[in-house]
Each structure stands twice: as structure tokens, then as C-alpha cells.
Protein backbone atom coordinates (compact mmCIF):
# COMPACT_ATOMS: atom_id res chain seq x y z
CA MET A 1 0.00 0.00 0.00
CA ILE A 2 2.82 2.40 0.85
CA ARG A 3 4.56 1.49 -2.37
CA LEU A 4 1.40 2.28 -4.35
CA THR A 5 1.05 5.64 -2.60
CA LEU A 6 4.67 6.54 -3.30
CA THR A 7 4.33 5.51 -6.93
CA ALA A 8 1.22 7.65 -7.30
CA ALA A 9 2.95 10.63 -5.67
CA VAL A 10 5.98 10.30 -7.98
CA ALA A 11 3.70 10.00 -11.03
CA LEU A 12 1.75 13.11 -10.05
CA THR A 13 4.97 15.04 -9.40
CA LEU A 14 6.39 14.04 -12.78
CA ALA A 15 3.13 14.90 -14.53
CA ALA A 16 2.98 18.31 -12.85
CA ALA A 17 6.65 19.21 -13.41
CA PRO A 18 6.07 20.96 -16.78
CA VAL A 19 3.28 23.01 -15.23
CA PHE A 20 5.50 24.09 -12.34
CA ALA A 21 8.30 24.96 -14.75
CA GLN A 22 5.99 27.21 -16.78
CA THR A 23 4.60 29.15 -13.88
CA ALA A 24 7.24 31.83 -13.87
CA PRO A 25 6.14 35.24 -12.67
CA SER A 26 4.42 37.03 -15.54
CA PRO A 27 4.00 40.77 -15.94
CA THR A 28 0.21 40.88 -15.89
CA SER A 29 0.07 44.55 -14.96
CA ALA A 30 2.08 45.71 -17.98
CA GLN A 31 0.09 46.78 -21.05
CA PRO A 32 1.05 44.64 -24.09
CA GLY A 33 3.24 46.66 -26.43
CA SER A 34 4.22 49.21 -23.78
CA GLU A 35 7.86 49.94 -22.97
CA GLU A 36 7.46 48.21 -19.60
CA TRP A 37 6.00 45.15 -21.28
CA LEU A 38 8.93 45.02 -23.74
CA ARG A 39 11.48 45.63 -20.95
CA LEU A 40 10.07 42.77 -18.85
CA ARG A 41 10.62 40.49 -21.83
CA GLY A 42 14.16 41.71 -22.30
CA GLU A 43 13.36 43.80 -25.35
CA MET A 44 13.98 47.48 -25.83
CA TYR A 45 12.48 49.83 -28.35
CA LYS A 46 13.29 53.46 -28.34
CA ARG A 47 12.45 55.60 -31.36
CA ALA A 48 15.23 57.94 -32.29
CA PRO A 49 14.32 61.61 -32.70
CA ASP A 50 13.64 62.81 -36.25
CA SER A 51 16.96 64.68 -36.31
CA GLU A 52 18.80 61.36 -35.89
CA GLN A 53 16.78 59.45 -38.50
CA ASP A 54 18.60 58.37 -41.66
CA PRO A 55 16.68 59.98 -44.57
CA ALA A 56 17.50 57.07 -46.90
CA GLU A 57 16.22 54.56 -44.35
CA VAL A 58 13.07 56.62 -43.74
CA ALA A 59 12.45 56.81 -47.51
CA ALA A 60 13.05 53.06 -47.92
CA THR A 61 10.70 52.31 -45.05
CA ALA A 62 8.03 54.60 -46.51
CA ARG A 63 8.43 52.92 -49.91
CA LEU A 64 8.15 49.45 -48.34
CA ASN A 65 5.13 50.52 -46.34
CA ALA A 66 3.48 51.90 -49.50
CA GLU A 67 4.17 48.62 -51.34
CA ILE A 68 2.72 46.63 -48.46
CA ALA A 69 -0.35 48.89 -48.35
CA ALA A 70 -0.81 48.49 -52.12
CA ARG A 71 -0.51 44.70 -51.88
CA ASN A 72 -2.97 44.66 -48.98
CA ALA A 73 -5.43 46.79 -50.96
CA ALA A 74 -5.07 44.52 -54.00
CA ALA A 75 -5.57 41.45 -51.81
CA ALA A 76 -8.65 43.00 -50.22
CA GLU A 77 -10.06 43.79 -53.67
CA THR A 78 -9.35 40.27 -54.89
CA GLU A 79 -10.97 38.83 -51.80
CA ALA A 80 -14.03 41.06 -52.27
CA GLU A 81 -14.32 39.95 -55.91
CA ALA A 82 -13.96 36.31 -54.88
CA MET A 83 -16.62 36.71 -52.20
CA ALA A 84 -18.97 38.39 -54.68
CA ALA A 85 -18.41 35.57 -57.18
CA PHE A 86 -19.01 33.01 -54.42
CA GLU A 87 -22.23 34.74 -53.39
CA ASP A 88 -23.38 34.79 -57.04
CA ARG A 89 -22.64 31.07 -57.48
CA ASN A 90 -24.22 30.29 -54.12
CA ALA A 91 -27.38 32.21 -55.07
CA ALA A 92 -27.51 30.38 -58.42
CA TRP A 93 -27.10 27.04 -56.63
CA ARG A 94 -29.87 27.90 -54.18
CA ALA A 95 -32.17 28.94 -57.03
CA GLU A 96 -31.45 25.69 -58.89
CA ALA A 97 -32.00 23.66 -55.71
CA ALA A 98 -35.33 25.44 -55.14
CA ARG A 99 -36.36 24.83 -58.78
CA LEU A 100 -35.50 21.14 -58.49
CA GLU A 101 -37.37 20.85 -55.20
CA THR A 102 -40.41 22.45 -56.83
CA GLU A 103 -40.17 20.00 -59.73
CA ARG A 104 -39.86 17.08 -57.28
CA VAL A 105 -42.93 18.20 -55.33
CA GLN A 106 -44.85 18.69 -58.59
CA TRP A 107 -43.82 15.22 -59.79
CA GLU A 108 -44.97 13.69 -56.50
CA ALA A 109 -48.30 15.55 -56.79
CA ASN A 110 -48.69 14.36 -60.39
CA ALA A 111 -47.84 10.77 -59.39
CA ALA A 112 -50.37 10.90 -56.54
CA ALA A 113 -53.04 12.32 -58.89
CA ALA A 114 -52.29 9.64 -61.47
CA SER A 115 -52.47 6.93 -58.80
CA ALA A 116 -55.78 8.30 -57.53
CA ALA A 117 -57.15 8.49 -61.09
CA ARG A 118 -56.08 4.91 -61.78
CA ALA A 119 -57.70 3.71 -58.55
CA GLN A 120 -60.90 5.56 -59.47
CA TRP A 121 -60.85 4.04 -62.97
CA GLU A 122 -60.29 0.55 -61.53
CA ARG A 123 -63.27 1.02 -59.14
CA GLU A 124 -65.46 2.27 -61.98
CA ARG A 125 -64.32 -0.60 -64.23
CA ALA A 126 -65.03 -3.17 -61.51
CA ALA A 127 -68.49 -1.66 -60.94
CA TRP A 128 -69.17 -1.70 -64.70
CA GLU A 129 -68.04 -5.33 -64.98
CA ALA A 130 -70.28 -6.28 -62.05
CA GLN A 131 -73.18 -4.41 -63.69
CA MET A 132 -72.54 -6.16 -67.03
CA GLU A 133 -72.32 -9.57 -65.34
CA ALA A 134 -75.62 -8.96 -63.55
CA CYS A 135 -77.20 -7.85 -66.82
CA ARG A 136 -75.97 -11.00 -68.62
CA ARG A 137 -77.27 -13.26 -65.87
CA SER A 138 -80.69 -11.72 -66.26
CA GLY A 139 -80.67 -12.86 -69.91
CA ARG A 140 -80.88 -9.45 -71.45
CA VAL A 141 -78.65 -8.04 -74.13
CA CYS A 142 -76.31 -5.67 -72.40
CA VAL A 143 -74.66 -2.91 -74.38
CA SER A 144 -72.99 -0.28 -72.26
CA PRO A 145 -69.60 1.26 -72.93
CA PRO A 146 -66.99 0.72 -70.26
CA PRO A 147 -66.01 3.69 -68.10
CA GLY A 148 -63.79 6.21 -69.79
CA TYR A 149 -65.36 5.92 -73.28
């Protein structure tokens, strides 16, 4: 029993070790992106004053930013066109599905009507045949068109 308890304790300790290792103090009070937040992570960012900026580097950065903005705008336009095309195809699919469903319902209604008409004809035919048989048994000449003529 003691051995089982010790084994369980060791297993729990080993299982919890990664959790204990990850629970280092975290700067929860620092605002993400702030200087304090960066400093707590060992990073430093300090913008140099405009007088110390390299004009060639500023121009290159502005050019790169303009290219990125242009690519982002083109990607947004492409995505908007793709979404519009998708919506058009989706609407066409829904219209076709609705048309086919209407045709299916109409076919079922037609089949039910045809089945009902056939059943009615069969009842009328059976009644006519019974009437003709009764007429023949009476010895008379029976001339009566069958139903549907």
C-alpha cells in the first residue's frame, strides 16, 4: 500500500513538473506593447528623434510601407471579388435547388393524382363489370360502354 502511494505521488509530481516549470512570474500589470511590457521580456524599443533618422532609411521604409499597403489593398479587392463571385454562385445554386425541389414536389403531386385516377378508374371498371355480369345473368342483351369511353 505504501509502495502504491509513493508511486502515485511520484507519477503526479512528474506529470505536474512541466506546469510548475511554466509558472514563472508574468507581468500581468504591464500593457502589451508598452515599454514596460517590452522591458520585462528583455526587449527594448526606443524611437530615435527625427533629427537622428537616416533619410535614406526613412524613404526606404516609406516605400516598403506603401508597397505593403498596395498589396494589402489589392488582396482586399481580390478577396471582395472572390466573395462576390461566391455569393453569385451560391445564389444560383440555391435557385437551382429550389427549382429542383419544386419539380420534385410537382412530380410527387402528379404521381399521386395519377395513382388516384387509376384507382378511381379501376373502381369504376369493376363496378361496370359487375353491372354487365348482372345484366348478362338476367338474360338481357347488355350494351354499355366501359367507363372512360
